[in-house]
N, C-alpha and C. Protein backbone atom coordinates (compact mmCIF):
# COMPACT_ATOMS: atom_id res chain seq x y z
N MET A 1 0.86 -1.17 0.00
CA MET A 1 0.00 0.00 0.00
C MET A 1 0.91 1.23 0.00
N VAL A 2 0.82 2.02 -1.01
CA VAL A 2 1.67 3.19 -1.10
C VAL A 2 0.86 4.46 -0.84
N GLU A 3 -0.18 4.68 -1.56
CA GLU A 3 -1.02 5.87 -1.38
C GLU A 3 -2.47 5.45 -1.26
N PRO A 4 -3.25 6.03 -0.44
CA PRO A 4 -2.88 7.00 0.58
C PRO A 4 -2.17 6.32 1.74
N LYS A 5 -1.40 7.09 2.47
CA LYS A 5 -0.68 6.57 3.62
C LYS A 5 -1.68 6.19 4.71
N PRO A 6 -1.59 4.96 5.24
CA PRO A 6 -2.57 4.53 6.25
C PRO A 6 -2.60 5.44 7.48
N TYR A 7 -1.44 5.88 7.95
CA TYR A 7 -1.39 6.71 9.16
C TYR A 7 -2.24 7.97 8.99
N ALA A 8 -1.97 8.70 7.94
CA ALA A 8 -2.67 9.97 7.72
C ALA A 8 -4.14 9.75 7.38
N SER A 9 -4.41 8.78 6.54
CA SER A 9 -5.79 8.54 6.11
C SER A 9 -6.69 8.14 7.26
N LEU A 10 -6.23 7.25 8.12
CA LEU A 10 -7.05 6.82 9.24
C LEU A 10 -7.31 7.95 10.23
N ARG A 11 -6.32 8.79 10.44
CA ARG A 11 -6.52 9.92 11.36
C ARG A 11 -7.48 10.95 10.77
N LEU A 12 -7.44 11.12 9.45
CA LEU A 12 -8.41 12.01 8.80
C LEU A 12 -9.83 11.45 8.91
N LEU A 13 -9.98 10.13 8.73
CA LEU A 13 -11.30 9.52 8.89
C LEU A 13 -11.82 9.69 10.31
N LEU A 14 -10.96 9.47 11.30
CA LEU A 14 -11.39 9.66 12.70
C LEU A 14 -11.73 11.11 12.99
N ALA A 15 -10.96 12.03 12.42
CA ALA A 15 -11.26 13.46 12.62
C ALA A 15 -12.63 13.80 12.02
N GLU A 16 -12.95 13.22 10.87
CA GLU A 16 -14.25 13.46 10.25
C GLU A 16 -15.38 12.88 11.11
N LEU A 17 -15.16 11.70 11.66
CA LEU A 17 -16.18 11.10 12.55
C LEU A 17 -16.38 11.95 13.81
N ARG A 18 -15.27 12.48 14.35
CA ARG A 18 -15.39 13.38 15.52
C ARG A 18 -16.19 14.62 15.16
N ALA A 19 -15.90 15.20 14.00
CA ALA A 19 -16.61 16.40 13.57
C ALA A 19 -18.10 16.13 13.39
N GLN A 20 -18.45 14.97 12.79
CA GLN A 20 -19.86 14.62 12.63
C GLN A 20 -20.53 14.41 13.97
N ARG A 21 -19.82 13.76 14.89
CA ARG A 21 -20.38 13.55 16.22
C ARG A 21 -20.63 14.89 16.92
N ASP A 22 -19.65 15.77 16.85
CA ASP A 22 -19.77 17.07 17.52
C ASP A 22 -20.86 17.93 16.90
N ALA A 23 -21.11 17.72 15.61
CA ALA A 23 -22.16 18.48 14.92
C ALA A 23 -23.53 17.81 15.06
N GLY A 24 -23.56 16.66 15.74
CA GLY A 24 -24.82 15.95 15.91
C GLY A 24 -25.20 15.14 14.70
N GLY A 25 -24.23 14.76 13.89
CA GLY A 25 -24.50 13.99 12.68
C GLY A 25 -24.94 12.58 12.99
N GLU A 26 -25.30 11.86 11.94
CA GLU A 26 -25.81 10.49 12.07
C GLU A 26 -24.82 9.55 12.73
N ALA A 27 -23.53 9.72 12.46
CA ALA A 27 -22.52 8.84 13.05
C ALA A 27 -22.12 9.32 14.43
N GLY A 28 -22.93 10.14 15.04
CA GLY A 28 -22.59 10.81 16.28
C GLY A 28 -22.52 9.95 17.51
N GLY A 29 -22.66 10.62 18.66
CA GLY A 29 -22.43 10.02 19.96
C GLY A 29 -23.23 8.77 20.24
N ARG A 30 -24.35 8.58 19.58
CA ARG A 30 -25.16 7.38 19.80
C ARG A 30 -24.35 6.13 19.50
N LEU A 31 -23.56 6.16 18.45
CA LEU A 31 -22.78 4.99 18.08
C LEU A 31 -21.30 5.13 18.39
N LEU A 32 -20.78 6.33 18.41
CA LEU A 32 -19.34 6.51 18.55
C LEU A 32 -18.99 7.40 19.74
N PRO A 33 -18.90 6.82 20.92
CA PRO A 33 -18.49 7.60 22.07
C PRO A 33 -17.02 8.02 21.96
N GLU A 34 -16.60 8.93 22.79
CA GLU A 34 -15.25 9.49 22.73
C GLU A 34 -14.17 8.42 22.75
N GLU A 35 -14.32 7.38 23.58
CA GLU A 35 -13.26 6.37 23.68
C GLU A 35 -13.04 5.63 22.37
N ALA A 36 -14.01 5.68 21.47
CA ALA A 36 -13.87 4.98 20.19
C ALA A 36 -13.09 5.78 19.17
N LEU A 37 -12.89 7.04 19.42
CA LEU A 37 -12.29 7.90 18.39
C LEU A 37 -10.87 8.32 18.72
N GLY A 38 -10.20 7.55 19.56
CA GLY A 38 -8.86 7.91 19.99
C GLY A 38 -7.76 7.20 19.22
N GLU A 39 -6.56 7.44 19.66
CA GLU A 39 -5.36 6.91 19.02
C GLU A 39 -5.29 5.37 19.04
N PRO A 40 -5.73 4.70 20.11
CA PRO A 40 -5.67 3.23 20.08
C PRO A 40 -6.47 2.63 18.92
N VAL A 41 -7.60 3.21 18.60
CA VAL A 41 -8.41 2.71 17.48
C VAL A 41 -7.68 2.95 16.16
N ALA A 42 -7.07 4.11 16.01
CA ALA A 42 -6.33 4.41 14.78
C ALA A 42 -5.14 3.46 14.62
N GLU A 43 -4.44 3.19 15.73
CA GLU A 43 -3.29 2.29 15.66
C GLU A 43 -3.73 0.87 15.31
N ARG A 44 -4.83 0.41 15.90
CA ARG A 44 -5.32 -0.94 15.60
C ARG A 44 -5.79 -1.04 14.15
N ALA A 45 -6.46 -0.02 13.66
CA ALA A 45 -6.90 -0.03 12.26
C ALA A 45 -5.70 -0.06 11.32
N GLU A 46 -4.65 0.67 11.67
CA GLU A 46 -3.44 0.66 10.85
C GLU A 46 -2.81 -0.73 10.84
N GLU A 47 -2.77 -1.38 12.01
CA GLU A 47 -2.24 -2.74 12.08
C GLU A 47 -3.05 -3.69 11.19
N LEU A 48 -4.37 -3.58 11.28
CA LEU A 48 -5.23 -4.45 10.48
C LEU A 48 -5.04 -4.22 8.99
N ALA A 49 -4.97 -2.96 8.57
CA ALA A 49 -4.81 -2.64 7.16
C ALA A 49 -3.46 -3.14 6.63
N CYS A 50 -2.42 -2.95 7.41
CA CYS A 50 -1.09 -3.39 6.97
C CYS A 50 -1.00 -4.92 6.94
N ALA A 51 -1.62 -5.59 7.92
CA ALA A 51 -1.62 -7.05 7.91
C ALA A 51 -2.37 -7.58 6.70
N LEU A 52 -3.49 -6.94 6.38
CA LEU A 52 -4.26 -7.36 5.21
C LEU A 52 -3.44 -7.17 3.93
N ALA A 53 -2.73 -6.06 3.85
CA ALA A 53 -1.91 -5.78 2.66
C ALA A 53 -0.75 -6.77 2.55
N ALA A 54 -0.20 -7.16 3.68
CA ALA A 54 0.96 -8.05 3.66
C ALA A 54 0.58 -9.51 3.42
N ARG A 55 -0.61 -9.90 3.85
CA ARG A 55 -0.98 -11.31 3.83
C ARG A 55 -1.95 -11.71 2.72
N THR A 56 -2.50 -10.74 2.03
CA THR A 56 -3.49 -11.06 0.99
C THR A 56 -3.22 -10.23 -0.26
N ASP A 57 -4.03 -10.47 -1.27
CA ASP A 57 -3.94 -9.66 -2.48
C ASP A 57 -5.03 -8.58 -2.51
N ALA A 58 -5.54 -8.22 -1.33
CA ALA A 58 -6.63 -7.24 -1.24
C ALA A 58 -6.26 -5.90 -1.88
N THR A 59 -5.01 -5.50 -1.75
CA THR A 59 -4.63 -4.20 -2.31
C THR A 59 -4.64 -4.20 -3.84
N LEU A 60 -4.61 -5.38 -4.42
CA LEU A 60 -4.72 -5.48 -5.88
C LEU A 60 -6.17 -5.49 -6.34
N ARG A 61 -7.07 -5.85 -5.43
CA ARG A 61 -8.48 -6.02 -5.78
C ARG A 61 -9.38 -4.87 -5.34
N TRP A 62 -8.97 -4.12 -4.32
CA TRP A 62 -9.81 -3.08 -3.74
C TRP A 62 -9.04 -1.77 -3.65
N PRO A 63 -9.75 -0.64 -3.74
CA PRO A 63 -9.07 0.65 -3.53
C PRO A 63 -8.58 0.75 -2.08
N ALA A 64 -7.49 1.44 -1.89
CA ALA A 64 -6.93 1.62 -0.55
C ALA A 64 -7.95 2.25 0.40
N SER A 65 -8.77 3.14 -0.11
CA SER A 65 -9.76 3.79 0.75
C SER A 65 -10.76 2.78 1.31
N ALA A 66 -11.14 1.78 0.52
CA ALA A 66 -12.07 0.75 1.00
C ALA A 66 -11.40 -0.13 2.05
N ILE A 67 -10.15 -0.46 1.85
CA ILE A 67 -9.42 -1.28 2.81
C ILE A 67 -9.27 -0.53 4.13
N LEU A 68 -8.92 0.75 4.05
CA LEU A 68 -8.75 1.55 5.28
C LEU A 68 -10.08 1.74 6.00
N ALA A 69 -11.15 1.96 5.27
CA ALA A 69 -12.46 2.10 5.90
C ALA A 69 -12.87 0.80 6.58
N ALA A 70 -12.61 -0.34 5.94
CA ALA A 70 -12.94 -1.63 6.54
C ALA A 70 -12.09 -1.89 7.78
N ALA A 71 -10.82 -1.54 7.72
CA ALA A 71 -9.95 -1.72 8.88
C ALA A 71 -10.41 -0.84 10.04
N LEU A 72 -10.82 0.39 9.74
CA LEU A 72 -11.32 1.27 10.79
C LEU A 72 -12.60 0.70 11.40
N ARG A 73 -13.48 0.20 10.56
CA ARG A 73 -14.72 -0.40 11.05
C ARG A 73 -14.43 -1.60 11.97
N ALA A 74 -13.48 -2.43 11.56
CA ALA A 74 -13.12 -3.60 12.37
C ALA A 74 -12.51 -3.17 13.70
N ALA A 75 -11.67 -2.15 13.68
CA ALA A 75 -11.06 -1.66 14.92
C ALA A 75 -12.12 -1.05 15.84
N LEU A 76 -13.07 -0.32 15.27
CA LEU A 76 -14.17 0.23 16.07
C LEU A 76 -15.02 -0.89 16.66
N ASP A 77 -15.31 -1.92 15.88
CA ASP A 77 -16.08 -3.05 16.39
C ASP A 77 -15.35 -3.73 17.55
N GLU A 78 -14.04 -3.92 17.40
CA GLU A 78 -13.26 -4.52 18.49
C GLU A 78 -13.33 -3.66 19.75
N ARG A 79 -13.15 -2.37 19.57
CA ARG A 79 -13.11 -1.45 20.71
C ARG A 79 -14.46 -1.38 21.42
N LEU A 80 -15.52 -1.40 20.66
CA LEU A 80 -16.86 -1.21 21.22
C LEU A 80 -17.62 -2.52 21.38
N GLY A 81 -16.99 -3.63 21.16
CA GLY A 81 -17.66 -4.90 21.33
C GLY A 81 -18.77 -5.14 20.34
N GLY A 82 -18.62 -4.66 19.10
CA GLY A 82 -19.62 -4.90 18.06
C GLY A 82 -20.79 -3.93 18.08
N ARG A 83 -20.74 -2.89 18.92
CA ARG A 83 -21.87 -1.96 19.01
C ARG A 83 -22.02 -1.07 17.79
N THR A 84 -21.09 -1.10 16.84
CA THR A 84 -21.23 -0.26 15.65
C THR A 84 -21.96 -0.98 14.53
N ARG A 85 -22.29 -2.23 14.74
CA ARG A 85 -22.99 -2.99 13.69
C ARG A 85 -24.43 -2.54 13.58
N PRO A 86 -24.89 -2.33 12.36
CA PRO A 86 -26.28 -1.89 12.19
C PRO A 86 -27.25 -3.03 12.49
N GLU A 87 -28.44 -2.66 12.87
CA GLU A 87 -29.49 -3.64 13.10
C GLU A 87 -29.90 -4.24 11.76
N PRO A 88 -30.18 -5.56 11.71
CA PRO A 88 -30.65 -6.14 10.45
C PRO A 88 -32.03 -5.62 10.11
N PRO A 89 -32.36 -5.54 8.83
CA PRO A 89 -33.69 -5.08 8.44
C PRO A 89 -34.77 -6.01 8.99
N ARG A 90 -35.93 -5.45 9.25
CA ARG A 90 -37.04 -6.27 9.72
C ARG A 90 -37.38 -7.31 8.66
N GLY A 91 -37.67 -8.51 9.14
CA GLY A 91 -38.00 -9.58 8.22
C GLY A 91 -36.79 -10.28 7.63
N ALA A 92 -35.61 -9.93 8.10
CA ALA A 92 -34.39 -10.54 7.55
C ALA A 92 -33.99 -11.79 8.32
N GLN A 93 -34.79 -12.25 9.27
CA GLN A 93 -34.46 -13.45 10.01
C GLN A 93 -34.46 -14.64 9.06
N GLU A 94 -33.62 -15.61 9.39
CA GLU A 94 -33.52 -16.82 8.55
C GLU A 94 -34.87 -17.50 8.42
N GLY A 95 -35.23 -17.82 7.22
CA GLY A 95 -36.44 -18.57 6.97
C GLY A 95 -37.69 -17.72 6.96
N HIS A 96 -37.59 -16.41 7.18
CA HIS A 96 -38.77 -15.55 7.22
C HIS A 96 -39.42 -15.51 5.85
N GLY A 97 -40.69 -15.84 5.82
CA GLY A 97 -41.43 -15.76 4.56
C GLY A 97 -41.26 -16.95 3.65
N ARG A 98 -40.53 -17.97 4.10
CA ARG A 98 -40.31 -19.14 3.26
C ARG A 98 -41.24 -20.27 3.70
N ASP A 99 -41.59 -21.08 2.76
CA ASP A 99 -42.38 -22.27 3.05
C ASP A 99 -41.43 -23.33 3.59
N LYS A 100 -41.65 -23.78 4.81
CA LYS A 100 -40.74 -24.72 5.45
C LYS A 100 -41.14 -26.18 5.22
N SER A 101 -42.03 -26.44 4.30
CA SER A 101 -42.44 -27.82 4.07
C SER A 101 -41.49 -28.54 3.16
């Protein structure tokens, strides 16, 4: 991974999430408390992104921005115990609406 640099890109993403939270945006305090937007999350996301780049061909298949966003999401999930996962749509339960005969 050469560009964008993971260090700078992840910190810019976290800064944007902080700004949205402070402005009362959708990604705000309800899902992302202050402890989720600190340096430990950025460092973990950087570790995940670099490990993915070193161990897979993901950087050949996906834009760096998608890899960094996924790494940040995974780091946030780790930090918050999965609380950033969206609720499944209603009716999305297994077998809903299917004939079980």
